[in-house]
N, C-alpha and C. Protein backbone atom coordinates (compact mmCIF):
# COMPACT_ATOMS: atom_id res chain seq x y z
N MET A 1 87.26 -59.98 -10.60
CA MET A 1 86.76 -58.66 -10.24
C MET A 1 87.91 -57.66 -10.39
N SER A 2 87.61 -56.55 -10.99
CA SER A 2 88.62 -55.51 -11.15
C SER A 2 88.95 -54.87 -9.81
N LEU A 3 90.05 -54.18 -9.78
CA LEU A 3 90.47 -53.49 -8.55
C LEU A 3 89.40 -52.48 -8.13
N GLN A 4 88.90 -51.72 -9.10
CA GLN A 4 87.88 -50.71 -8.78
C GLN A 4 86.62 -51.38 -8.25
N GLY A 5 86.24 -52.52 -8.84
CA GLY A 5 85.06 -53.25 -8.38
C GLY A 5 85.25 -53.76 -6.97
N HIS A 6 86.45 -54.21 -6.67
CA HIS A 6 86.75 -54.70 -5.32
C HIS A 6 86.66 -53.55 -4.31
N ILE A 7 87.18 -52.40 -4.67
CA ILE A 7 87.13 -51.23 -3.79
C ILE A 7 85.68 -50.84 -3.54
N VAL A 8 84.86 -50.84 -4.58
CA VAL A 8 83.44 -50.48 -4.43
C VAL A 8 82.74 -51.47 -3.49
N GLU A 9 83.03 -52.75 -3.64
CA GLU A 9 82.42 -53.77 -2.78
C GLU A 9 82.86 -53.59 -1.32
N LEU A 10 84.13 -53.30 -1.11
CA LEU A 10 84.62 -53.07 0.25
C LEU A 10 83.96 -51.83 0.86
N GLN A 11 83.78 -50.78 0.08
CA GLN A 11 83.11 -49.58 0.58
C GLN A 11 81.66 -49.88 0.95
N ARG A 12 81.01 -50.71 0.13
CA ARG A 12 79.63 -51.10 0.42
C ARG A 12 79.56 -51.87 1.74
N ARG A 13 80.49 -52.81 1.93
CA ARG A 13 80.52 -53.59 3.17
C ARG A 13 80.84 -52.70 4.37
N HIS A 14 81.74 -51.74 4.19
CA HIS A 14 82.10 -50.80 5.26
C HIS A 14 80.87 -49.98 5.68
N ASP A 15 80.14 -49.47 4.70
CA ASP A 15 78.94 -48.69 4.99
C ASP A 15 77.87 -49.53 5.68
N ALA A 16 77.73 -50.78 5.25
CA ALA A 16 76.74 -51.68 5.87
C ALA A 16 77.10 -51.95 7.32
N LEU A 17 78.37 -52.14 7.60
CA LEU A 17 78.80 -52.36 8.99
C LEU A 17 78.57 -51.11 9.83
N LYS A 18 78.83 -49.95 9.26
CA LYS A 18 78.61 -48.69 9.97
C LYS A 18 77.14 -48.57 10.38
N LYS A 19 76.25 -48.88 9.45
CA LYS A 19 74.81 -48.81 9.75
C LYS A 19 74.41 -49.84 10.79
N GLU A 20 74.99 -51.04 10.69
CA GLU A 20 74.67 -52.09 11.65
C GLU A 20 75.13 -51.69 13.06
N ILE A 21 76.30 -51.08 13.15
CA ILE A 21 76.82 -50.61 14.45
C ILE A 21 75.88 -49.54 15.02
N GLU A 22 75.47 -48.61 14.18
CA GLU A 22 74.56 -47.55 14.63
C GLU A 22 73.25 -48.14 15.14
N GLN A 23 72.72 -49.13 14.44
CA GLN A 23 71.48 -49.77 14.86
C GLN A 23 71.65 -50.50 16.19
N GLU A 24 72.77 -51.19 16.35
CA GLU A 24 73.04 -51.91 17.60
C GLU A 24 73.12 -50.94 18.78
N GLN A 25 73.69 -49.77 18.55
CA GLN A 25 73.86 -48.81 19.63
C GLN A 25 72.54 -48.17 20.05
N LEU A 26 71.52 -48.28 19.23
CA LEU A 26 70.21 -47.72 19.56
C LEU A 26 69.43 -48.60 20.53
N HIS A 27 69.78 -49.87 20.60
CA HIS A 27 69.05 -50.79 21.47
C HIS A 27 69.32 -50.48 22.94
N PRO A 28 68.28 -50.60 23.76
CA PRO A 28 68.47 -50.33 25.20
C PRO A 28 69.49 -51.26 25.85
N GLN A 29 69.49 -52.52 25.44
CA GLN A 29 70.46 -53.47 25.99
C GLN A 29 71.50 -53.78 24.92
N THR A 30 72.41 -52.87 24.75
CA THR A 30 73.43 -52.97 23.72
C THR A 30 74.38 -54.12 24.02
N ASP A 31 74.67 -54.93 23.00
CA ASP A 31 75.62 -56.02 23.12
C ASP A 31 77.00 -55.47 22.76
N GLU A 32 77.76 -55.12 23.79
CA GLU A 32 79.06 -54.48 23.57
C GLU A 32 80.03 -55.38 22.82
N LEU A 33 79.99 -56.69 23.08
CA LEU A 33 80.89 -57.60 22.38
C LEU A 33 80.57 -57.65 20.89
N LYS A 34 79.31 -57.64 20.56
CA LYS A 34 78.91 -57.64 19.15
C LYS A 34 79.37 -56.35 18.48
N ILE A 35 79.20 -55.23 19.17
CA ILE A 35 79.62 -53.94 18.61
C ILE A 35 81.14 -53.92 18.41
N LEU A 36 81.88 -54.44 19.36
CA LEU A 36 83.34 -54.48 19.22
C LEU A 36 83.75 -55.34 18.02
N GLU A 37 83.08 -56.47 17.82
CA GLU A 37 83.38 -57.34 16.69
C GLU A 37 83.06 -56.64 15.36
N LEU A 38 81.92 -55.95 15.32
CA LEU A 38 81.55 -55.22 14.11
C LEU A 38 82.56 -54.11 13.82
N LYS A 39 82.98 -53.41 14.86
CA LYS A 39 83.97 -52.34 14.68
C LYS A 39 85.30 -52.90 14.21
N ARG A 40 85.67 -54.08 14.70
CA ARG A 40 86.92 -54.72 14.28
C ARG A 40 86.86 -55.05 12.79
N LYS A 41 85.73 -55.61 12.36
CA LYS A 41 85.56 -55.93 10.94
C LYS A 41 85.59 -54.67 10.08
N LYS A 42 84.94 -53.62 10.58
CA LYS A 42 84.91 -52.35 9.85
C LYS A 42 86.32 -51.79 9.70
N LEU A 43 87.12 -51.88 10.75
CA LEU A 43 88.49 -51.39 10.71
C LEU A 43 89.35 -52.21 9.75
N GLN A 44 89.14 -53.52 9.71
CA GLN A 44 89.87 -54.37 8.78
C GLN A 44 89.58 -53.95 7.34
N ILE A 45 88.31 -53.69 7.06
CA ILE A 45 87.93 -53.25 5.72
C ILE A 45 88.56 -51.90 5.40
N LYS A 46 88.55 -51.00 6.38
CA LYS A 46 89.15 -49.67 6.18
C LYS A 46 90.64 -49.81 5.87
N ASP A 47 91.32 -50.69 6.60
CA ASP A 47 92.74 -50.91 6.36
C ASP A 47 92.98 -51.47 4.96
N GLU A 48 92.14 -52.42 4.54
CA GLU A 48 92.28 -53.00 3.21
C GLU A 48 92.03 -51.94 2.13
N LEU A 49 91.04 -51.09 2.36
CA LEU A 49 90.77 -50.01 1.41
C LEU A 49 91.96 -49.07 1.30
N ALA A 50 92.58 -48.77 2.42
CA ALA A 50 93.74 -47.88 2.41
C ALA A 50 94.89 -48.51 1.62
N LYS A 51 95.12 -49.80 1.80
CA LYS A 51 96.17 -50.50 1.08
C LYS A 51 95.89 -50.49 -0.42
N LEU A 52 94.63 -50.75 -0.77
CA LEU A 52 94.26 -50.76 -2.19
C LEU A 52 94.38 -49.38 -2.81
N SER A 53 94.04 -48.36 -2.05
CA SER A 53 94.16 -46.99 -2.57
C SER A 53 95.61 -46.63 -2.83
N ILE A 54 96.49 -47.07 -1.95
CA ILE A 54 97.91 -46.80 -2.13
C ILE A 54 98.43 -47.53 -3.36
N SER A 55 98.06 -48.80 -3.50
CA SER A 55 98.54 -49.56 -4.65
C SER A 55 97.95 -49.04 -5.95
N GLU A 56 96.72 -48.52 -5.89
CA GLU A 56 96.08 -47.97 -7.08
C GLU A 56 96.79 -46.69 -7.55
N THR A 57 97.22 -45.87 -6.62
CA THR A 57 97.88 -44.62 -6.99
C THR A 57 99.31 -44.87 -7.51
N ARG A 58 99.89 -46.01 -7.17
CA ARG A 58 101.24 -46.34 -7.63
C ARG A 58 101.24 -46.82 -9.08
N HIS A 59 100.10 -47.26 -9.57
CA HIS A 59 100.03 -47.81 -10.94
C HIS A 59 99.69 -46.76 -11.94
């Protein structure tokens, strides 16, 4: 997979997690631990995207 393809896939996963978090927060009995885990995964993806963006601009 090309670098650009990897970035696009990470952005897709980031957006999917964002939507999943929003849906979880709509439930009357919100599972806070699940939301925290989803947010942690979303942040990891965001960090990876930032690293890839930096390396992409250096090339």
